[in-house]
Amino acid sequence: MQKPVRESVDLSAYPDLVVILLGFRVRRWRGILSLFKLGPGFAAIKRDVPDGLLLDENFLFGLNHLGIRQYWRDYESLEAFTRSAPHSIWWRDFLKDSGGAGFWHETYRMKGGMEAVYIDMPKPMGFGRFAPARDPKGPFMTARARLGHG
């Protein structure tokens, strides 16, 4: 019998760490096309790592539900990335037509605050399974505002 090895990490060098979970769920056949449109963007992130991105990991929730977990040095780096191309272009286009797919993200800050948005998901997930829904409009339109730092 081998005793398990127990390990942990020292995050003191990352006081502004931000973790974001993202998901993309194919809801209809045409959602597969939406997924293929994202492929080059995912590859670009791996090839040309944005400033502040510490780690980007892909995983599967299911055959039709892909996930990404990212660790960012700070919220400002994450926000700068989301406001630049190609992310900003994809986001603008997705909000016009989800293309048979659903998308969500949940953001967690070391300094406090959590937020989420779910778009065209077939059923509640994550925070949405236990917390009351809130319309992401007006004062809750942006992730920064939902984190309470607007």
N, C-alpha and C. Protein backbone atom coordinates (compact mmCIF):
# COMPACT_ATOMS: atom_id res chain seq x y z
N MET A 1 0.84 -1.18 0.00
CA MET A 1 0.00 0.00 0.00
C MET A 1 0.89 1.25 0.00
N GLN A 2 0.54 2.19 -0.86
CA GLN A 2 1.32 3.41 -0.95
C GLN A 2 0.51 4.57 -0.40
N LYS A 3 1.10 5.31 0.52
CA LYS A 3 0.43 6.47 1.10
C LYS A 3 0.35 7.59 0.06
N PRO A 4 -0.83 8.22 -0.11
CA PRO A 4 -0.96 9.31 -1.09
C PRO A 4 -0.04 10.49 -0.75
N VAL A 5 0.43 11.16 -1.79
CA VAL A 5 1.26 12.35 -1.62
C VAL A 5 0.33 13.56 -1.58
N ARG A 6 0.42 14.31 -0.52
CA ARG A 6 -0.43 15.49 -0.34
C ARG A 6 0.41 16.73 -0.61
N GLU A 7 -0.08 17.61 -1.51
CA GLU A 7 0.64 18.82 -1.87
C GLU A 7 -0.30 20.01 -1.85
N SER A 8 0.27 21.21 -1.83
CA SER A 8 -0.52 22.44 -1.93
C SER A 8 0.33 23.45 -2.69
N VAL A 9 -0.10 24.69 -2.75
CA VAL A 9 0.63 25.74 -3.46
C VAL A 9 0.67 27.00 -2.62
N ASP A 10 1.67 27.82 -2.87
CA ASP A 10 1.81 29.12 -2.22
C ASP A 10 1.40 30.18 -3.23
N LEU A 11 0.25 30.79 -3.05
CA LEU A 11 -0.26 31.81 -3.97
C LEU A 11 0.08 33.23 -3.53
N SER A 12 0.94 33.39 -2.53
CA SER A 12 1.24 34.73 -2.02
C SER A 12 1.86 35.64 -3.07
N ALA A 13 2.49 35.08 -4.08
CA ALA A 13 3.08 35.90 -5.16
C ALA A 13 2.03 36.37 -6.16
N TYR A 14 0.77 35.95 -5.98
CA TYR A 14 -0.31 36.29 -6.91
C TYR A 14 -1.49 36.91 -6.16
N PRO A 15 -1.28 38.06 -5.51
CA PRO A 15 -2.36 38.64 -4.70
C PRO A 15 -3.57 39.11 -5.51
N ASP A 16 -3.39 39.33 -6.81
CA ASP A 16 -4.48 39.81 -7.66
C ASP A 16 -5.00 38.73 -8.61
N LEU A 17 -4.68 37.48 -8.33
CA LEU A 17 -5.04 36.36 -9.19
C LEU A 17 -6.53 36.34 -9.51
N VAL A 18 -6.83 36.04 -10.76
CA VAL A 18 -8.21 35.89 -11.22
C VAL A 18 -8.30 34.55 -11.93
N VAL A 19 -9.33 33.78 -11.59
CA VAL A 19 -9.59 32.51 -12.25
C VAL A 19 -10.91 32.66 -13.00
N ILE A 20 -10.93 32.26 -14.24
CA ILE A 20 -12.17 32.32 -15.02
C ILE A 20 -12.41 30.94 -15.64
N LEU A 21 -13.62 30.47 -15.46
CA LEU A 21 -14.07 29.24 -16.12
C LEU A 21 -14.98 29.67 -17.25
N LEU A 22 -14.78 29.07 -18.42
CA LEU A 22 -15.60 29.38 -19.59
C LEU A 22 -16.14 28.07 -20.15
N GLY A 23 -17.32 28.14 -20.69
CA GLY A 23 -17.89 26.96 -21.31
C GLY A 23 -18.59 27.29 -22.61
N PHE A 24 -18.54 26.34 -23.52
CA PHE A 24 -19.19 26.47 -24.81
C PHE A 24 -19.96 25.19 -25.05
N ARG A 25 -21.26 25.30 -25.19
CA ARG A 25 -22.11 24.12 -25.34
C ARG A 25 -22.84 24.15 -26.69
N VAL A 26 -22.67 23.10 -27.47
CA VAL A 26 -23.37 22.96 -28.74
C VAL A 26 -24.80 22.53 -28.41
N ARG A 27 -25.78 23.35 -28.81
CA ARG A 27 -27.19 23.05 -28.52
C ARG A 27 -27.93 22.50 -29.73
N ARG A 28 -27.51 22.92 -30.93
CA ARG A 28 -28.10 22.44 -32.18
C ARG A 28 -26.96 22.14 -33.15
N TRP A 29 -27.28 21.44 -34.23
CA TRP A 29 -26.24 21.06 -35.18
C TRP A 29 -25.44 22.24 -35.68
N ARG A 30 -26.10 23.36 -35.92
CA ARG A 30 -25.35 24.51 -36.44
C ARG A 30 -24.40 25.10 -35.39
N GLY A 31 -24.58 24.71 -34.13
CA GLY A 31 -23.64 25.11 -33.09
C GLY A 31 -22.25 24.57 -33.31
N ILE A 32 -22.15 23.46 -34.05
CA ILE A 32 -20.83 22.90 -34.37
C ILE A 32 -20.05 23.89 -35.24
N LEU A 33 -20.75 24.57 -36.15
CA LEU A 33 -20.08 25.59 -36.98
C LEU A 33 -19.56 26.73 -36.11
N SER A 34 -20.36 27.12 -35.11
CA SER A 34 -19.92 28.18 -34.19
C SER A 34 -18.66 27.76 -33.46
N LEU A 35 -18.61 26.49 -33.08
CA LEU A 35 -17.43 25.98 -32.39
C LEU A 35 -16.20 26.03 -33.29
N PHE A 36 -16.36 25.65 -34.56
CA PHE A 36 -15.23 25.68 -35.49
C PHE A 36 -14.73 27.11 -35.72
N LYS A 37 -15.61 28.09 -35.64
CA LYS A 37 -15.19 29.48 -35.78
C LYS A 37 -14.27 29.90 -34.63
N LEU A 38 -14.45 29.27 -33.47
CA LEU A 38 -13.63 29.62 -32.31
C LEU A 38 -12.25 28.98 -32.34
N GLY A 39 -12.11 27.89 -33.07
CA GLY A 39 -10.86 27.15 -33.10
C GLY A 39 -9.62 27.99 -33.32
N PRO A 40 -9.59 28.83 -34.36
CA PRO A 40 -8.40 29.65 -34.59
C PRO A 40 -8.10 30.59 -33.42
N GLY A 41 -9.14 31.10 -32.77
CA GLY A 41 -8.92 31.97 -31.62
C GLY A 41 -8.30 31.23 -30.45
N PHE A 42 -8.77 30.00 -30.20
CA PHE A 42 -8.18 29.18 -29.14
C PHE A 42 -6.72 28.89 -29.44
N ALA A 43 -6.42 28.57 -30.68
CA ALA A 43 -5.04 28.28 -31.08
C ALA A 43 -4.15 29.51 -30.92
N ALA A 44 -4.69 30.69 -31.24
CA ALA A 44 -3.92 31.93 -31.13
C ALA A 44 -3.55 32.22 -29.68
N ILE A 45 -4.46 31.93 -28.76
CA ILE A 45 -4.18 32.16 -27.33
C ILE A 45 -3.03 31.27 -26.88
N LYS A 46 -3.01 30.03 -27.35
CA LYS A 46 -1.92 29.11 -26.98
C LYS A 46 -0.60 29.54 -27.62
N ARG A 47 -0.67 30.04 -28.85
CA ARG A 47 0.53 30.41 -29.61
C ARG A 47 1.10 31.75 -29.14
N ASP A 48 0.23 32.75 -29.00
CA ASP A 48 0.63 34.09 -28.60
C ASP A 48 -0.05 34.43 -27.29
N VAL A 49 0.53 33.99 -26.21
CA VAL A 49 -0.09 34.12 -24.88
C VAL A 49 -0.28 35.60 -24.55
N PRO A 50 -1.54 36.00 -24.26
CA PRO A 50 -1.81 37.40 -23.90
C PRO A 50 -1.07 37.80 -22.62
N ASP A 51 -0.71 39.06 -22.54
CA ASP A 51 -0.05 39.58 -21.34
C ASP A 51 -0.95 39.34 -20.12
N GLY A 52 -0.40 38.74 -19.10
CA GLY A 52 -1.13 38.51 -17.87
C GLY A 52 -1.74 37.13 -17.75
N LEU A 53 -1.83 36.38 -18.85
CA LEU A 53 -2.38 35.03 -18.78
C LEU A 53 -1.30 34.09 -18.26
N LEU A 54 -1.56 33.47 -17.12
CA LEU A 54 -0.59 32.56 -16.50
C LEU A 54 -0.75 31.13 -17.00
N LEU A 55 -2.00 30.72 -17.23
CA LEU A 55 -2.26 29.34 -17.66
C LEU A 55 -3.62 29.27 -18.32
N ASP A 56 -3.70 28.46 -19.36
CA ASP A 56 -4.94 28.25 -20.11
C ASP A 56 -5.09 26.73 -20.29
N GLU A 57 -6.15 26.15 -19.73
CA GLU A 57 -6.36 24.71 -19.81
C GLU A 57 -7.73 24.40 -20.40
N ASN A 58 -7.79 23.42 -21.28
CA ASN A 58 -9.05 22.98 -21.87
C ASN A 58 -9.51 21.70 -21.18
N PHE A 59 -10.84 21.51 -21.11
CA PHE A 59 -11.39 20.27 -20.56
C PHE A 59 -12.77 20.06 -21.14
N LEU A 60 -13.33 18.90 -20.92
CA LEU A 60 -14.66 18.56 -21.42
C LEU A 60 -15.63 18.36 -20.27
N PHE A 61 -16.80 18.98 -20.39
CA PHE A 61 -17.91 18.68 -19.49
C PHE A 61 -18.70 17.50 -20.05
N GLY A 62 -18.70 17.39 -21.37
CA GLY A 62 -19.41 16.34 -22.09
C GLY A 62 -19.06 16.45 -23.56
N LEU A 63 -19.61 15.56 -24.36
CA LEU A 63 -19.28 15.56 -25.79
C LEU A 63 -19.70 16.84 -26.49
N ASN A 64 -20.71 17.52 -25.98
CA ASN A 64 -21.18 18.75 -26.60
C ASN A 64 -20.91 19.99 -25.74
N HIS A 65 -20.06 19.86 -24.73
CA HIS A 65 -19.85 20.96 -23.77
C HIS A 65 -18.36 21.04 -23.43
N LEU A 66 -17.69 22.02 -24.02
CA LEU A 66 -16.26 22.23 -23.82
C LEU A 66 -16.02 23.28 -22.75
N GLY A 67 -14.91 23.16 -22.05
CA GLY A 67 -14.58 24.12 -21.01
C GLY A 67 -13.16 24.62 -21.13
N ILE A 68 -12.94 25.79 -20.58
CA ILE A 68 -11.60 26.38 -20.49
C ILE A 68 -11.47 26.97 -19.09
N ARG A 69 -10.33 26.74 -18.49
CA ARG A 69 -10.02 27.39 -17.21
C ARG A 69 -8.77 28.23 -17.45
N GLN A 70 -8.86 29.50 -17.08
CA GLN A 70 -7.73 30.40 -17.25
C GLN A 70 -7.38 31.04 -15.91
N TYR A 71 -6.08 31.22 -15.70
CA TYR A 71 -5.55 31.92 -14.53
C TYR A 71 -4.88 33.19 -15.04
N TRP A 72 -5.33 34.33 -14.54
CA TRP A 72 -4.79 35.62 -14.96
C TRP A 72 -4.08 36.30 -13.80
N ARG A 73 -3.01 37.00 -14.10
CA ARG A 73 -2.22 37.72 -13.09
C ARG A 73 -3.09 38.71 -12.32
N ASP A 74 -4.00 39.39 -13.05
CA ASP A 74 -4.88 40.39 -12.42
C ASP A 74 -6.09 40.63 -13.32
N TYR A 75 -7.08 41.29 -12.78
CA TYR A 75 -8.31 41.53 -13.52
C TYR A 75 -8.09 42.46 -14.71
N GLU A 76 -7.21 43.43 -14.55
CA GLU A 76 -6.95 44.38 -15.62
C GLU A 76 -6.41 43.67 -16.87
N SER A 77 -5.56 42.67 -16.69
CA SER A 77 -5.03 41.91 -17.83
C SER A 77 -6.15 41.14 -18.53
N LEU A 78 -7.00 40.51 -17.75
CA LEU A 78 -8.13 39.77 -18.32
C LEU A 78 -9.04 40.72 -19.08
N GLU A 79 -9.35 41.85 -18.47
CA GLU A 79 -10.24 42.81 -19.10
C GLU A 79 -9.64 43.37 -20.39
N ALA A 80 -8.35 43.65 -20.40
CA ALA A 80 -7.69 44.16 -21.61
C ALA A 80 -7.79 43.13 -22.73
N PHE A 81 -7.60 41.86 -22.40
CA PHE A 81 -7.73 40.80 -23.40
C PHE A 81 -9.14 40.74 -23.96
N THR A 82 -10.15 40.79 -23.09
CA THR A 82 -11.53 40.65 -23.57
C THR A 82 -11.97 41.83 -24.42
N ARG A 83 -11.33 42.97 -24.25
CA ARG A 83 -11.70 44.16 -25.04
C ARG A 83 -10.92 44.30 -26.33
N SER A 84 -10.00 43.37 -26.58
CA SER A 84 -9.20 43.43 -27.80
C SER A 84 -9.61 42.32 -28.76
N ALA A 85 -9.21 42.48 -30.03
CA ALA A 85 -9.46 41.45 -31.03
C ALA A 85 -8.49 40.30 -30.77
N PRO A 86 -8.87 39.08 -31.03
CA PRO A 86 -10.10 38.64 -31.68
C PRO A 86 -11.28 38.44 -30.73
N HIS A 87 -11.01 38.47 -29.41
CA HIS A 87 -12.08 38.18 -28.46
C HIS A 87 -13.26 39.13 -28.61
N SER A 88 -13.00 40.42 -28.69
CA SER A 88 -14.09 41.40 -28.75
C SER A 88 -14.94 41.21 -30.00
N ILE A 89 -14.33 40.82 -31.09
CA ILE A 89 -15.08 40.59 -32.34
C ILE A 89 -15.96 39.36 -32.21
N TRP A 90 -15.37 38.28 -31.68
CA TRP A 90 -16.17 37.05 -31.49
C TRP A 90 -17.34 37.32 -30.56
N TRP A 91 -17.10 38.03 -29.46
CA TRP A 91 -18.15 38.30 -28.48
C TRP A 91 -19.28 39.13 -29.10
N ARG A 92 -18.92 40.16 -29.84
CA ARG A 92 -19.92 41.00 -30.51
C ARG A 92 -20.78 40.16 -31.46
N ASP A 93 -20.13 39.33 -32.26
CA ASP A 93 -20.85 38.50 -33.22
C ASP A 93 -21.71 37.45 -32.53
N PHE A 94 -21.21 36.87 -31.46
CA PHE A 94 -21.97 35.84 -30.72
C PHE A 94 -23.23 36.45 -30.11
N LEU A 95 -23.13 37.67 -29.60
CA LEU A 95 -24.30 38.31 -28.99
C LEU A 95 -25.37 38.67 -30.02
N LYS A 96 -24.98 38.79 -31.30
CA LYS A 96 -25.95 39.02 -32.37
C LYS A 96 -26.66 37.73 -32.74
N ASP A 97 -25.90 36.60 -32.76
CA ASP A 97 -26.46 35.30 -33.14
C ASP A 97 -25.60 34.21 -32.50
N SER A 98 -26.18 33.48 -31.55
CA SER A 98 -25.41 32.45 -30.84
C SER A 98 -25.13 31.23 -31.71
N GLY A 99 -25.74 31.16 -32.88
CA GLY A 99 -25.42 30.10 -33.83
C GLY A 99 -25.67 28.69 -33.34
N GLY A 100 -26.69 28.50 -32.52
CA GLY A 100 -27.01 27.16 -32.04
C GLY A 100 -26.11 26.67 -30.92
N ALA A 101 -25.46 27.62 -30.24
CA ALA A 101 -24.56 27.27 -29.16
C ALA A 101 -24.90 28.09 -27.92
N GLY A 102 -24.44 27.63 -26.79
CA GLY A 102 -24.55 28.37 -25.54
C GLY A 102 -23.16 28.69 -25.04
N PHE A 103 -23.03 29.78 -24.30
CA PHE A 103 -21.74 30.18 -23.75
C PHE A 103 -21.95 30.70 -22.34
N TRP A 104 -20.97 30.47 -21.50
CA TRP A 104 -21.04 30.99 -20.13
C TRP A 104 -19.63 31.24 -19.62
N HIS A 105 -19.54 32.08 -18.60
CA HIS A 105 -18.29 32.20 -17.86
C HIS A 105 -18.60 32.54 -16.41
N GLU A 106 -17.70 32.12 -15.54
CA GLU A 106 -17.73 32.48 -14.13
C GLU A 106 -16.34 32.97 -13.77
N THR A 107 -16.28 34.11 -13.08
CA THR A 107 -15.02 34.74 -12.72
C THR A 107 -14.89 34.79 -11.21
N TYR A 108 -13.69 34.46 -10.71
CA TYR A 108 -13.41 34.43 -9.28
C TYR A 108 -12.13 35.23 -9.03
N ARG A 109 -12.21 36.22 -8.12
CA ARG A 109 -11.05 37.07 -7.84
C ARG A 109 -10.49 36.78 -6.47
N MET A 110 -9.17 36.69 -6.40
CA MET A 110 -8.49 36.49 -5.13
C MET A 110 -8.82 37.64 -4.17
N LYS A 111 -8.93 38.85 -4.71
CA LYS A 111 -9.23 40.03 -3.88
C LYS A 111 -10.71 40.11 -3.52
N GLY A 112 -11.48 39.16 -3.95
CA GLY A 112 -12.90 39.17 -3.61
C GLY A 112 -13.77 39.47 -4.81
N GLY A 113 -14.92 38.92 -4.79
CA GLY A 113 -15.88 39.12 -5.85
C GLY A 113 -15.93 37.94 -6.80
N MET A 114 -17.13 37.61 -7.20
CA MET A 114 -17.37 36.57 -8.19
C MET A 114 -18.50 37.06 -9.07
N GLU A 115 -18.50 36.64 -10.32
CA GLU A 115 -19.56 37.04 -11.23
C GLU A 115 -19.71 35.98 -12.29
N ALA A 116 -20.84 36.04 -12.99
CA ALA A 116 -21.11 35.06 -14.04
C ALA A 116 -22.08 35.62 -15.06
N VAL A 117 -22.02 35.04 -16.25
CA VAL A 117 -23.01 35.32 -17.28
C VAL A 117 -23.23 34.03 -18.05
N TYR A 118 -24.49 33.78 -18.41
CA TYR A 118 -24.88 32.57 -19.12
C TYR A 118 -25.72 33.00 -20.32
N ILE A 119 -25.34 32.55 -21.51
CA ILE A 119 -26.03 32.97 -22.73
C ILE A 119 -26.50 31.73 -23.49
N ASP A 120 -27.79 31.65 -23.70
CA ASP A 120 -28.41 30.56 -24.46
C ASP A 120 -28.04 29.17 -23.94
N MET A 121 -27.94 29.05 -22.64
CA MET A 121 -27.71 27.74 -22.06
C MET A 121 -29.06 27.06 -21.87
N PRO A 122 -29.16 25.74 -22.12
CA PRO A 122 -30.45 25.06 -22.07
C PRO A 122 -31.04 24.93 -20.67
N LYS A 123 -30.20 24.99 -19.65
CA LYS A 123 -30.70 24.91 -18.27
C LYS A 123 -29.69 25.60 -17.36
N PRO A 124 -30.11 25.99 -16.16
CA PRO A 124 -29.17 26.64 -15.25
C PRO A 124 -27.97 25.74 -14.92
N MET A 125 -26.85 26.39 -14.70
CA MET A 125 -25.64 25.67 -14.30
C MET A 125 -24.81 26.58 -13.42
N GLY A 126 -23.81 26.03 -12.78
CA GLY A 126 -22.93 26.82 -11.93
C GLY A 126 -23.71 27.60 -10.89
N PHE A 127 -23.38 28.87 -10.72
CA PHE A 127 -24.08 29.72 -9.76
C PHE A 127 -25.58 29.72 -10.01
N GLY A 128 -25.97 29.60 -11.27
CA GLY A 128 -27.38 29.65 -11.65
C GLY A 128 -28.21 28.50 -11.09
N ARG A 129 -27.56 27.47 -10.56
CA ARG A 129 -28.30 26.35 -9.98
C ARG A 129 -28.71 26.60 -8.54
N PHE A 130 -28.14 27.65 -7.90
CA PHE A 130 -28.54 27.91 -6.52
C PHE A 130 -28.80 29.38 -6.21
N ALA A 131 -28.29 30.28 -7.03
CA ALA A 131 -28.48 31.72 -6.79
C ALA A 131 -29.60 32.25 -7.68
N PRO A 132 -30.32 33.28 -7.20
CA PRO A 132 -31.38 33.85 -8.04
C PRO A 132 -30.82 34.50 -9.30
N ALA A 133 -31.60 34.43 -10.36
CA ALA A 133 -31.20 35.03 -11.64
C ALA A 133 -31.20 36.55 -11.52
N ARG A 134 -30.33 37.17 -12.30
CA ARG A 134 -30.25 38.62 -12.36
C ARG A 134 -29.99 38.98 -13.82
N ASP A 135 -30.76 39.92 -14.35
CA ASP A 135 -30.63 40.32 -15.74
C ASP A 135 -29.32 41.09 -15.93
N PRO A 136 -28.42 40.63 -16.82
CA PRO A 136 -27.15 41.34 -17.01
C PRO A 136 -27.30 42.56 -17.90
N LYS A 137 -28.06 43.51 -17.42
CA LYS A 137 -28.29 44.77 -18.14
C LYS A 137 -28.11 45.92 -17.16
N GLY A 138 -28.07 47.12 -17.70
CA GLY A 138 -27.95 48.30 -16.86
C GLY A 138 -26.73 48.21 -15.96
N PRO A 139 -26.92 48.30 -14.63
CA PRO A 139 -25.77 48.31 -13.73
C PRO A 139 -25.05 46.96 -13.64
N PHE A 140 -25.60 45.92 -14.24
CA PHE A 140 -24.96 44.60 -14.20
C PHE A 140 -24.56 44.12 -15.60
N MET A 141 -24.38 45.06 -16.53
CA MET A 141 -24.07 44.74 -17.92
C MET A 141 -22.67 44.16 -18.07
N THR A 142 -21.69 44.67 -17.35
CA THR A 142 -20.30 44.24 -17.53
C THR A 142 -19.84 43.35 -16.38
N ALA A 143 -18.83 42.55 -16.67
CA ALA A 143 -18.26 41.70 -15.63
C ALA A 143 -17.71 42.57 -14.49
N ARG A 144 -17.08 43.67 -14.83
CA ARG A 144 -16.53 44.57 -13.80
C ARG A 144 -17.65 45.05 -12.85
N ALA A 145 -18.78 45.40 -13.41
CA ALA A 145 -19.90 45.87 -12.58
C ALA A 145 -20.46 44.72 -11.74
N ARG A 146 -20.58 43.52 -12.34
CA ARG A 146 -21.10 42.38 -11.59
C ARG A 146 -20.17 41.97 -10.46
N LEU A 147 -18.86 42.24 -10.61
CA LEU A 147 -17.91 41.96 -9.55
C LEU A 147 -17.99 42.99 -8.43
N GLY A 148 -18.73 44.06 -8.68
CA GLY A 148 -18.85 45.11 -7.68
C GLY A 148 -17.73 46.13 -7.75
N HIS A 149 -17.03 46.16 -8.88
CA HIS A 149 -15.90 47.10 -9.03
C HIS A 149 -16.14 48.06 -10.17
N GLY A 150 -17.42 48.28 -10.53
CA GLY A 150 -17.76 49.14 -11.65
C GLY A 150 -17.64 50.57 -11.30
